[in-house]
Amino acid sequence: MSDARRAASRLRRDLRGTHDHEGRARLAPDRVLATLHAVTGEPETAVALLAEVWPAVPADTDQAWIHRLCDVGTGLAAVLPTSLLLATAFRRAARSLRGRGLLRLAAVQGMRELAIHRLRDDDPDATAAALHDLADTYRAQGRPHKVIDCADETLETYLLHHHQAGIAHTLTHLGTLMIEAGRHDSAIGYLTRADKAFEHAPDTAARAECLARLGRALWLSDNHTTAHRALNRALALAIGLDTTTADRVRHLVADTRQPHFGNPTAHDEADTAPPGSPDDRRTTRRA
C-alpha cells in the first residue's frame, strides 16, 4: 500500500471515529485537501475518502475551502464518470451544502450526481432518487418550475424502463405539484392517470392517497359530485390500511370536505361576521 493510500485510510478512520464535544467528527481542512490531492493518482481511493469527508464538514467551514473541496469532486468525475460511490459523495455534498444555505453549489453537486445515473442508465430508482434530492434543492431556492422539471424527468425515466410502480407514484407526485401550483385541471389529468396506473402496480395505500388528492383537485375545480366519488373510494381503500396511513387519507378527505375549502374569501367572511349578524343570531337561538 502506498504512503498516500495509507494516509487516506487513516483519515477515513479518524473521520468516522473522532468526534468533538457535540458528537461531530473533527476535521482538519488542510489535512483533508492535502490527503485528497495526494491520492489523485488513485481515484477510487480519493472517491472513497471524499464520500467520508462531506458529512464531517463543520457548519462554520470557510467557503473558499468548500469550493476547493467541490473542485476535487469535479476532477474525479472526469476520471470516474460512472462511479456509484462518487454519486454518493455528490449526494452527501449537496445535502451538506443545502444545510448551510449554499443552494447554488448544492444544485451543482446534485446535477453531478444525476449525470452519473443518466450515464449509467441502469437503475431508474437511483435516477429518481437523485432527481428527488435535486428537487429538494430547487424547492429551497424557490424554483417550483425546476421541481416540476425533476418530476417530469422522473416520469420519463420510469416510462422508458416500463417501471409501473414508479410511473404510478410519479404521476401522483406530479398531480400533487400541480395542485400546489394551482393548475387543477393538470392535476386531475395526472391523478386520473395515476389511478389507472395503480391497476398495473397494486399499492392500496398509495392509491388511496392518490384518490384523496384526485378528489381534492376535482373539488378545487368545482366538480364536487365527481370529487365526492373519488373521496369515497379513497375512504373505502383506507379501511384496510395501517393506522398512520389511514389517518392521513381520512384527514385529506375531511379537510377537502370542509365547507370553506378552496374558498378562503368565504372562510374569511364567515370568520369576520359581526356579532349580532343574522347567522350569529340563528346560531345563538339553536344553542
C-alpha atoms as a PDB file:
ATOM      1  CA  MET A   1       0.000   0.000   0.000  1.00  0.00           C
ATOM      2  CA  SER A   2       1.375   3.432  -0.936  1.00  0.00           C
ATOM      3  CA  ASP A   3       2.016   6.125   1.649  1.00  0.00           C
ATOM      4  CA  ALA A   4      -0.774   8.247   0.155  1.00  0.00           C
ATOM      5  CA  ARG A   5      -3.270   5.390   0.407  1.00  0.00           C
ATOM      6  CA  ARG A   6      -2.251   4.708   3.994  1.00  0.00           C
ATOM      7  CA  ALA A   7      -2.763   8.407   4.794  1.00  0.00           C
ATOM      8  CA  ALA A   8      -6.210   8.295   3.196  1.00  0.00           C
ATOM      9  CA  SER A   9      -7.137   5.191   5.199  1.00  0.00           C
ATOM     10  CA  ARG A  10      -6.022   6.838   8.453  1.00  0.00           C
ATOM     11  CA  LEU A  11      -8.014   9.971   7.654  1.00  0.00           C
ATOM     12  CA  ARG A  12     -11.141   7.965   6.839  1.00  0.00           C
ATOM     13  CA  ARG A  13     -10.775   6.108  10.129  1.00  0.00           C
ATOM     14  CA  ASP A  14     -10.305   9.371  12.011  1.00  0.00           C
ATOM     15  CA  LEU A  15     -13.350  10.939  10.373  1.00  0.00           C
ATOM     16  CA  ARG A  16     -15.515   8.010  11.422  1.00  0.00           C
ATOM     17  CA  GLY A  17     -14.145   7.625  14.927  1.00  0.00           C
ATOM     18  CA  THR A  18     -13.006  11.012  16.273  1.00  0.00           C
ATOM     19  CA  HIS A  19     -15.648  13.497  17.424  1.00  0.00           C
ATOM     20  CA  ASP A  20     -15.841  16.807  19.208  1.00  0.00           C
ATOM     21  CA  HIS A  21     -17.885  17.509  22.357  1.00  0.00           C
ATOM     22  CA  GLU A  22     -21.075  17.825  20.268  1.00  0.00           C
ATOM     23  CA  GLY A  23     -20.556  14.449  18.633  1.00  0.00           C
ATOM     24  CA  ARG A  24     -19.385  15.760  15.264  1.00  0.00           C
ATOM     25  CA  ALA A  25     -16.304  14.421  13.564  1.00  0.00           C
ATOM     26  CA  ARG A  26     -13.359  16.796  13.892  1.00  0.00           C
ATOM     27  CA  LEU A  27     -11.974  17.856  10.548  1.00  0.00           C
ATOM     28  CA  ALA A  28      -8.599  19.419   9.792  1.00  0.00           C
ATOM     29  CA  PRO A  29      -9.178  21.228   6.484  1.00  0.00           C
ATOM     30  CA  ASP A  30      -5.551  21.402   5.377  1.00  0.00           C
ATOM     31  CA  ARG A  31      -5.002  17.724   6.121  1.00  0.00           C
ATOM     32  CA  VAL A  32      -8.131  16.752   4.172  1.00  0.00           C
ATOM     33  CA  LEU A  33      -7.199  18.606   1.000  1.00  0.00           C
ATOM     34  CA  ALA A  34      -3.550  17.527   1.173  1.00  0.00           C
ATOM     35  CA  THR A  35      -4.577  13.885   1.527  1.00  0.00           C
ATOM     36  CA  LEU A  36      -7.114  14.103  -1.289  1.00  0.00           C
ATOM     37  CA  HIS A  37      -4.609  15.702  -3.639  1.00  0.00           C
ATOM     38  CA  ALA A  38      -2.031  13.079  -2.711  1.00  0.00           C
ATOM     39  CA  VAL A  39      -4.298  10.258  -3.911  1.00  0.00           C
ATOM     40  CA  THR A  40      -5.498  11.831  -7.159  1.00  0.00           C
ATOM     41  CA  GLY A  41      -3.456   9.190  -8.971  1.00  0.00           C
ATOM     42  CA  GLU A  42      -5.641   6.558  -7.261  1.00  0.00           C
ATOM     43  CA  PRO A  43      -9.107   7.963  -7.993  1.00  0.00           C
ATOM     44  CA  GLU A  44     -11.056   5.133  -6.330  1.00  0.00           C
ATOM     45  CA  THR A  45      -9.236   5.865  -3.074  1.00  0.00           C
ATOM     46  CA  ALA A  46      -9.898   9.587  -3.455  1.00  0.00           C
ATOM     47  CA  VAL A  47     -13.613   8.980  -4.079  1.00  0.00           C
ATOM     48  CA  ALA A  48     -13.928   6.777  -1.007  1.00  0.00           C
ATOM     49  CA  LEU A  49     -12.299   9.495   1.091  1.00  0.00           C
ATOM     50  CA  LEU A  50     -14.401  12.293  -0.417  1.00  0.00           C
ATOM     51  CA  ALA A  51     -17.586  10.397   0.445  1.00  0.00           C
ATOM     52  CA  GLU A  52     -16.457  10.282   4.083  1.00  0.00           C
ATOM     53  CA  VAL A  53     -15.378  13.925   4.208  1.00  0.00           C
ATOM     54  CA  TRP A  54     -18.612  15.680   3.246  1.00  0.00           C
ATOM     55  CA  PRO A  55     -20.730  14.557   6.232  1.00  0.00           C
ATOM     56  CA  ALA A  56     -17.952  15.690   8.559  1.00  0.00           C
ATOM     57  CA  VAL A  57     -17.576  19.249   7.240  1.00  0.00           C
ATOM     58  CA  PRO A  58     -18.371  21.647  10.129  1.00  0.00           C
ATOM     59  CA  ALA A  59     -21.014  24.330   9.680  1.00  0.00           C
ATOM     60  CA  ASP A  60     -18.519  27.165  10.160  1.00  0.00           C
ATOM     61  CA  THR A  61     -16.090  25.966   7.482  1.00  0.00           C
ATOM     62  CA  ASP A  62     -14.625  28.654   5.234  1.00  0.00           C
ATOM     63  CA  GLN A  63     -16.486  28.899   1.918  1.00  0.00           C
ATOM     64  CA  ALA A  64     -13.285  29.171  -0.094  1.00  0.00           C
ATOM     65  CA  TRP A  65     -12.231  25.787   1.305  1.00  0.00           C
ATOM     66  CA  ILE A  66     -15.652  24.326   0.446  1.00  0.00           C
ATOM     67  CA  HIS A  67     -15.220  25.489  -3.154  1.00  0.00           C
ATOM     68  CA  ARG A  68     -11.842  23.743  -3.270  1.00  0.00           C
ATOM     69  CA  LEU A  69     -13.444  20.547  -1.951  1.00  0.00           C
ATOM     70  CA  CYS A  70     -16.106  20.791  -4.668  1.00  0.00           C
ATOM     71  CA  ASP A  71     -13.319  21.140  -7.246  1.00  0.00           C
ATOM     72  CA  VAL A  72     -11.902  17.798  -6.084  1.00  0.00           C
ATOM     73  CA  GLY A  73     -15.207  16.129  -6.927  1.00  0.00           C
ATOM     74  CA  THR A  74     -15.286  17.819 -10.327  1.00  0.00           C
ATOM     75  CA  GLY A  75     -11.874  16.428 -11.166  1.00  0.00           C
ATOM     76  CA  LEU A  76     -12.833  12.932 -10.044  1.00  0.00           C
ATOM     77  CA  ALA A  77     -15.986  12.985 -12.172  1.00  0.00           C
ATOM     78  CA  ALA A  78     -13.833  13.432 -15.275  1.00  0.00           C
ATOM     79  CA  VAL A  79     -11.906  10.268 -14.401  1.00  0.00           C
ATOM     80  CA  LEU A  80     -14.719   8.122 -12.967  1.00  0.00           C
ATOM     81  CA  PRO A  81     -17.874   9.337 -14.729  1.00  0.00           C
ATOM     82  CA  THR A  82     -19.985   6.293 -13.763  1.00  0.00           C
ATOM     83  CA  SER A  83     -18.810   5.712 -10.182  1.00  0.00           C
ATOM     84  CA  LEU A  84     -21.722   4.993  -7.821  1.00  0.00           C
ATOM     85  CA  LEU A  85     -19.542   5.865  -4.837  1.00  0.00           C
ATOM     86  CA  LEU A  86     -18.805   9.237  -6.407  1.00  0.00           C
ATOM     87  CA  ALA A  87     -22.566   9.685  -6.897  1.00  0.00           C
ATOM     88  CA  THR A  88     -22.917   9.063  -3.153  1.00  0.00           C
ATOM     89  CA  ALA A  89     -20.246  11.674  -2.465  1.00  0.00           C
ATOM     90  CA  PHE A  90     -22.099  14.219  -4.604  1.00  0.00           C
ATOM     91  CA  ARG A  91     -25.372  13.438  -2.801  1.00  0.00           C
ATOM     92  CA  ARG A  92     -23.705  13.981   0.571  1.00  0.00           C
ATOM     93  CA  ALA A  93     -22.119  17.176  -0.718  1.00  0.00           C
ATOM     94  CA  ALA A  94     -25.492  18.511  -1.887  1.00  0.00           C
ATOM     95  CA  ARG A  95     -27.114  17.793   1.458  1.00  0.00           C
ATOM     96  CA  SER A  96     -24.232  19.332   3.375  1.00  0.00           C
ATOM     97  CA  LEU A  97     -24.292  22.475   1.238  1.00  0.00           C
ATOM     98  CA  ARG A  98     -28.083  22.729   1.359  1.00  0.00           C
ATOM     99  CA  GLY A  99     -27.902  22.643   5.132  1.00  0.00           C
ATOM    100  CA  ARG A 100     -25.548  25.624   5.015  1.00  0.00           C
ATOM    101  CA  GLY A 101     -27.784  27.585   2.665  1.00  0.00           C
ATOM    102  CA  LEU A 102     -25.250  27.298  -0.175  1.00  0.00           C
ATOM    103  CA  LEU A 103     -28.005  26.378  -2.590  1.00  0.00           C
ATOM    104  CA  ARG A 104     -26.299  27.179  -5.884  1.00  0.00           C
ATOM    105  CA  LEU A 105     -23.387  24.923  -5.007  1.00  0.00           C
ATOM    106  CA  ALA A 106     -25.800  22.281  -3.731  1.00  0.00           C
ATOM    107  CA  ALA A 107     -27.619  22.316  -7.072  1.00  0.00           C
ATOM    108  CA  VAL A 108     -24.342  21.825  -8.941  1.00  0.00           C
ATOM    109  CA  GLN A 109     -23.475  18.811  -6.785  1.00  0.00           C
ATOM    110  CA  GLY A 110     -26.953  17.409  -7.308  1.00  0.00           C
ATOM    111  CA  MET A 111     -26.622  17.773 -11.079  1.00  0.00           C
ATOM    112  CA  ARG A 112     -23.263  15.984 -10.951  1.00  0.00           C
ATOM    113  CA  GLU A 113     -24.854  13.074  -9.113  1.00  0.00           C
ATOM    114  CA  LEU A 114     -27.685  12.985 -11.642  1.00  0.00           C
ATOM    115  CA  ALA A 115     -25.194  12.992 -14.537  1.00  0.00           C
ATOM    116  CA  ILE A 116     -23.676   9.754 -13.236  1.00  0.00           C
ATOM    117  CA  HIS A 117     -27.045   7.994 -13.088  1.00  0.00           C
ATOM    118  CA  ARG A 118     -28.051   9.315 -16.511  1.00  0.00           C
ATOM    119  CA  LEU A 119     -24.835   7.955 -17.995  1.00  0.00           C
ATOM    120  CA  ARG A 120     -25.258   4.547 -16.347  1.00  0.00           C
ATOM    121  CA  ASP A 121     -28.978   4.353 -17.181  1.00  0.00           C
ATOM    122  CA  ASP A 122     -29.284   1.009 -15.380  1.00  0.00           C
ATOM    123  CA  ASP A 123     -31.327   1.823 -12.280  1.00  0.00           C
ATOM    124  CA  PRO A 124     -34.426   4.028 -12.668  1.00  0.00           C
ATOM    125  CA  ASP A 125     -34.966   4.142  -8.909  1.00  0.00           C
ATOM    126  CA  ALA A 126     -31.457   5.541  -8.386  1.00  0.00           C
ATOM    127  CA  THR A 127     -32.052   8.178 -11.063  1.00  0.00           C
ATOM    128  CA  ALA A 128     -35.393   9.051  -9.470  1.00  0.00           C
ATOM    129  CA  ALA A 129     -33.753   9.391  -6.042  1.00  0.00           C
ATOM    130  CA  ALA A 130     -31.133  11.747  -7.485  1.00  0.00           C
ATOM    131  CA  LEU A 131     -33.857  13.832  -9.127  1.00  0.00           C
ATOM    132  CA  HIS A 132     -35.848  13.930  -5.892  1.00  0.00           C
ATOM    133  CA  ASP A 133     -32.836  15.191  -3.939  1.00  0.00           C
ATOM    134  CA  LEU A 134     -32.087  17.798  -6.602  1.00  0.00           C
ATOM    135  CA  ALA A 135     -35.731  18.885  -6.437  1.00  0.00           C
ATOM    136  CA  ASP A 136     -35.293  19.464  -2.687  1.00  0.00           C
ATOM    137  CA  THR A 137     -32.558  21.980  -3.512  1.00  0.00           C
ATOM    138  CA  TYR A 138     -34.708  23.691  -6.154  1.00  0.00           C
ATOM    139  CA  ARG A 139     -37.603  23.880  -3.710  1.00  0.00           C
ATOM    140  CA  ALA A 140     -35.303  25.513  -1.156  1.00  0.00           C
ATOM    141  CA  GLN A 141     -34.309  28.004  -3.876  1.00  0.00           C
ATOM    142  CA  GLY A 142     -37.957  28.832  -4.522  1.00  0.00           C
ATOM    143  CA  ARG A 143     -37.876  27.466  -8.092  1.00  0.00           C
ATOM    144  CA  PRO A 144     -41.090  25.432  -8.407  1.00  0.00           C
ATOM    145  CA  HIS A 145     -40.762  25.103 -12.191  1.00  0.00           C
ATOM    146  CA  LYS A 146     -37.470  23.269 -11.681  1.00  0.00           C
ATOM    147  CA  VAL A 147     -39.103  20.996  -9.102  1.00  0.00           C
ATOM    148  CA  ILE A 148     -41.724  20.108 -11.724  1.00  0.00           C
ATOM    149  CA  ASP A 149     -38.976  19.552 -14.325  1.00  0.00           C
ATOM    150  CA  CYS A 150     -37.375  16.994 -11.985  1.00  0.00           C
ATOM    151  CA  ALA A 151     -40.697  15.190 -11.598  1.00  0.00           C
ATOM    152  CA  ASP A 152     -41.207  15.228 -15.382  1.00  0.00           C
ATOM    153  CA  GLU A 153     -37.796  13.630 -15.930  1.00  0.00           C
ATOM    154  CA  THR A 154     -38.536  11.053 -13.246  1.00  0.00           C
ATOM    155  CA  LEU A 155     -41.733  10.097 -15.067  1.00  0.00           C
ATOM    156  CA  GLU A 156     -39.875   9.902 -18.391  1.00  0.00           C
ATOM    157  CA  THR A 157     -37.230   7.672 -16.780  1.00  0.00           C
ATOM    158  CA  TYR A 158     -39.799   5.254 -15.401  1.00  0.00           C
ATOM    159  CA  LEU A 159     -41.713   5.194 -18.690  1.00  0.00           C
ATOM    160  CA  LEU A 160     -38.545   4.320 -20.622  1.00  0.00           C
ATOM    161  CA  HIS A 161     -37.859   1.461 -18.209  1.00  0.00           C
ATOM    162  CA  HIS A 162     -41.517   0.310 -18.126  1.00  0.00           C
ATOM    163  CA  HIS A 163     -41.429   0.606 -14.337  1.00  0.00           C
ATOM    164  CA  GLN A 164     -45.149   0.512 -13.500  1.00  0.00           C
ATOM    165  CA  ALA A 165     -44.887   1.274  -9.784  1.00  0.00           C
ATOM    166  CA  GLY A 166     -42.575   4.209 -10.448  1.00  0.00           C
ATOM    167  CA  ILE A 167     -44.947   5.524 -13.117  1.00  0.00           C
ATOM    168  CA  ALA A 168     -47.952   5.401 -10.773  1.00  0.00           C
ATOM    169  CA  HIS A 169     -46.166   7.056  -7.856  1.00  0.00           C
ATOM    170  CA  THR A 170     -44.625   9.771 -10.019  1.00  0.00           C
ATOM    171  CA  LEU A 171     -47.944  10.607 -11.653  1.00  0.00           C
ATOM    172  CA  THR A 172     -49.373  11.060  -8.151  1.00  0.00           C
ATOM    173  CA  HIS A 173     -46.436  13.298  -7.249  1.00  0.00           C
ATOM    174  CA  LEU A 174     -46.905  15.396 -10.382  1.00  0.00           C
ATOM    175  CA  GLY A 175     -50.611  15.744  -9.608  1.00  0.00           C
ATOM    176  CA  THR A 176     -49.764  16.953  -6.118  1.00  0.00           C
ATOM    177  CA  LEU A 177     -47.314  19.507  -7.538  1.00  0.00           C
ATOM    178  CA  MET A 178     -49.994  20.742  -9.937  1.00  0.00           C
ATOM    179  CA  ILE A 179     -52.381  21.273  -7.009  1.00  0.00           C
ATOM    180  CA  GLU A 180     -49.673  23.289  -5.237  1.00  0.00           C
ATOM    181  CA  ALA A 181     -49.224  25.367  -8.400  1.00  0.00           C
ATOM    182  CA  GLY A 182     -52.973  25.995  -8.711  1.00  0.00           C
ATOM    183  CA  ARG A 183     -53.117  24.078 -12.016  1.00  0.00           C
ATOM    184  CA  HIS A 184     -56.121  21.984 -11.046  1.00  0.00           C
ATOM    185  CA  ASP A 185     -57.045  20.681 -14.495  1.00  0.00           C
ATOM    186  CA  SER A 186     -53.490  19.387 -14.985  1.00  0.00           C
ATOM    187  CA  ALA A 187     -53.642  17.845 -11.523  1.00  0.00           C
ATOM    188  CA  ILE A 188     -56.833  15.984 -12.442  1.00  0.00           C
ATOM    189  CA  GLY A 189     -55.162  14.649 -15.568  1.00  0.00           C
ATOM    190  CA  TYR A 190     -52.088  13.339 -13.761  1.00  0.00           C
ATOM    191  CA  LEU A 191     -54.029  11.887 -10.829  1.00  0.00           C
ATOM    192  CA  THR A 192     -56.550  10.169 -13.091  1.00  0.00           C
ATOM    193  CA  ARG A 193     -53.656   8.571 -14.965  1.00  0.00           C
ATOM    194  CA  ALA A 194     -52.101   7.569 -11.649  1.00  0.00           C
ATOM    195  CA  ASP A 195     -55.323   5.903 -10.519  1.00  0.00           C
ATOM    196  CA  LYS A 196     -55.352   3.828 -13.716  1.00  0.00           C
ATOM    197  CA  ALA A 197     -51.620   3.073 -13.397  1.00  0.00           C
ATOM    198  CA  PHE A 198     -52.167   1.551  -9.953  1.00  0.00           C
ATOM    199  CA  GLU A 199     -54.257  -1.137 -11.663  1.00  0.00           C
ATOM    200  CA  HIS A 200     -50.964  -2.485 -13.043  1.00  0.00           C
ATOM    201  CA  ALA A 201     -48.929  -1.820  -9.888  1.00  0.00           C
ATOM    202  CA  PRO A 202     -51.188  -2.607  -6.910  1.00  0.00           C
ATOM    203  CA  ASP A 203     -50.426  -0.440  -3.891  1.00  0.00           C
ATOM    204  CA  THR A 204     -53.516   0.141  -1.794  1.00  0.00           C
ATOM    205  CA  ALA A 205     -52.015   2.823   0.441  1.00  0.00           C
ATOM    206  CA  ALA A 206     -50.581   4.852  -2.441  1.00  0.00           C
ATOM    207  CA  ARG A 207     -53.777   4.512  -4.460  1.00  0.00           C
ATOM    208  CA  ALA A 208     -55.886   5.698  -1.521  1.00  0.00           C
ATOM    209  CA  GLU A 209     -53.726   8.816  -1.188  1.00  0.00           C
ATOM    210  CA  CYS A 210     -53.876   9.318  -4.972  1.00  0.00           C
ATOM    211  CA  LEU A 211     -57.676   9.197  -4.901  1.00  0.00           C
ATOM    212  CA  ALA A 212     -57.822  11.583  -1.940  1.00  0.00           C
ATOM    213  CA  ARG A 213     -55.698  14.065  -3.894  1.00  0.00           C
ATOM    214  CA  LEU A 214     -57.747  13.500  -7.046  1.00  0.00           C
ATOM    215  CA  GLY A 215     -60.855  14.330  -5.019  1.00  0.00           C
ATOM    216  CA  ARG A 216     -59.138  17.487  -3.807  1.00  0.00           C
ATOM    217  CA  ALA A 217     -58.214  18.574  -7.350  1.00  0.00           C
ATOM    218  CA  LEU A 218     -61.758  17.899  -8.567  1.00  0.00           C
ATOM    219  CA  TRP A 219     -63.186  19.846  -5.638  1.00  0.00           C
ATOM    220  CA  LEU A 220     -60.945  22.806  -6.391  1.00  0.00           C
ATOM    221  CA  SER A 221     -62.239  22.662  -9.981  1.00  0.00           C
ATOM    222  CA  ASP A 222     -65.830  22.901  -8.631  1.00  0.00           C
ATOM    223  CA  ASN A 223     -66.598  19.356  -9.783  1.00  0.00           C
ATOM    224  CA  HIS A 224     -67.974  18.385  -6.390  1.00  0.00           C
ATOM    225  CA  THR A 225     -70.044  15.357  -7.430  1.00  0.00           C
ATOM    226  CA  THR A 226     -67.102  13.592  -9.053  1.00  0.00           C
ATOM    227  CA  ALA A 227     -64.879  14.738  -6.194  1.00  0.00           C
ATOM    228  CA  HIS A 228     -67.137  13.013  -3.653  1.00  0.00           C
ATOM    229  CA  ARG A 229     -66.899   9.769  -5.643  1.00  0.00           C
ATOM    230  CA  ALA A 230     -63.097   9.889  -5.617  1.00  0.00           C
ATOM    231  CA  LEU A 231     -63.028  10.770  -1.906  1.00  0.00           C
ATOM    232  CA  ASN A 232     -65.405   7.922  -1.072  1.00  0.00           C
ATOM    233  CA  ARG A 233     -63.196   5.483  -2.990  1.00  0.00           C
ATOM    234  CA  ALA A 234     -60.199   6.739  -1.003  1.00  0.00           C
ATOM    235  CA  LEU A 235     -62.059   6.160   2.282  1.00  0.00           C
ATOM    236  CA  ALA A 236     -63.045   2.659   1.204  1.00  0.00           C
ATOM    237  CA  LEU A 237     -59.420   1.759   0.487  1.00  0.00           C
ATOM    238  CA  ALA A 238     -58.307   3.291   3.795  1.00  0.00           C
ATOM    239  CA  ILE A 239     -60.277   0.729   5.800  1.00  0.00           C
ATOM    240  CA  GLY A 240     -57.611  -1.957   5.472  1.00  0.00           C
ATOM    241  CA  LEU A 241     -54.569   0.282   5.880  1.00  0.00           C
ATOM    242  CA  ASP A 242     -52.279   0.798   8.850  1.00  0.00           C
ATOM    243  CA  THR A 243     -53.453   3.440  11.297  1.00  0.00           C
ATOM    244  CA  THR A 244     -50.970   6.134  10.294  1.00  0.00           C
ATOM    245  CA  THR A 245     -51.694   5.909   6.565  1.00  0.00           C
ATOM    246  CA  ALA A 246     -55.437   5.549   7.080  1.00  0.00           C
ATOM    247  CA  ASP A 247     -55.486   8.637   9.303  1.00  0.00           C
ATOM    248  CA  ARG A 248     -53.536  10.597   6.678  1.00  0.00           C
ATOM    249  CA  VAL A 249     -56.053   9.636   3.971  1.00  0.00           C
ATOM    250  CA  ARG A 250     -59.021  10.429   6.206  1.00  0.00           C
ATOM    251  CA  HIS A 251     -57.507  13.797   7.103  1.00  0.00           C
ATOM    252  CA  LEU A 252     -57.071  14.655   3.403  1.00  0.00           C
ATOM    253  CA  VAL A 253     -60.688  13.720   2.735  1.00  0.00           C
ATOM    254  CA  ALA A 254     -62.079  15.550   5.763  1.00  0.00           C
ATOM    255  CA  ASP A 255     -60.029  18.651   5.021  1.00  0.00           C
ATOM    256  CA  THR A 256     -61.238  18.713   1.410  1.00  0.00           C
ATOM    257  CA  ARG A 257     -64.845  18.429   2.534  1.00  0.00           C
ATOM    258  CA  GLN A 258     -64.639  21.407   4.868  1.00  0.00           C
ATOM    259  CA  PRO A 259     -67.349  23.937   3.914  1.00  0.00           C
ATOM    260  CA  HIS A 260     -64.861  26.668   3.026  1.00  0.00           C
ATOM    261  CA  PHE A 261     -62.110  24.507   1.469  1.00  0.00           C
ATOM    262  CA  GLY A 262     -60.796  26.179  -1.677  1.00  0.00           C
ATOM    263  CA  ASN A 263     -62.727  29.380  -0.924  1.00  0.00           C
ATOM    264  CA  PRO A 264     -60.650  31.402   1.563  1.00  0.00           C
ATOM    265  CA  THR A 265     -62.735  34.511   0.891  1.00  0.00           C
ATOM    266  CA  ALA A 266     -65.885  32.803   2.116  1.00  0.00           C
ATOM    267  CA  HIS A 267     -63.960  31.490   5.100  1.00  0.00           C
ATOM    268  CA  ASP A 268     -62.717  34.977   5.952  1.00  0.00           C
ATOM    269  CA  GLU A 269     -66.210  36.407   5.605  1.00  0.00           C
ATOM    270  CA  ALA A 270     -67.566  33.769   7.958  1.00  0.00           C
ATOM    271  CA  ASP A 271     -64.806  34.384  10.467  1.00  0.00           C
ATOM    272  CA  THR A 272     -65.344  38.161  10.413  1.00  0.00           C
ATOM    273  CA  ALA A 273     -69.150  38.197  10.550  1.00  0.00           C
ATOM    274  CA  PRO A 274     -70.059  40.885  13.119  1.00  0.00           C
ATOM    275  CA  PRO A 275     -71.712  39.855  16.391  1.00  0.00           C
ATOM    276  CA  GLY A 276     -75.469  40.015  16.113  1.00  0.00           C
ATOM    277  CA  SER A 277     -75.491  39.257  12.385  1.00  0.00           C
ATOM    278  CA  PRO A 278     -78.393  37.053  11.163  1.00  0.00           C
ATOM    279  CA  ASP A 279     -76.142  33.989  11.049  1.00  0.00           C
ATOM    280  CA  ASP A 280     -74.918  34.684  14.559  1.00  0.00           C
ATOM    281  CA  ARG A 281     -78.451  35.094  15.890  1.00  0.00           C
ATOM    282  CA  ARG A 282     -79.605  31.813  14.326  1.00  0.00           C
ATOM    283  CA  THR A 283     -76.674  30.032  15.915  1.00  0.00           C
ATOM    284  CA  THR A 284     -77.500  31.578  19.293  1.00  0.00           C
ATOM    285  CA  ARG A 285     -81.158  30.500  19.103  1.00  0.00           C
ATOM    286  CA  ARG A 286     -80.191  26.917  18.177  1.00  0.00           C
ATOM    287  CA  ALA A 287     -77.807  26.837  21.118  1.00  0.00           C
END
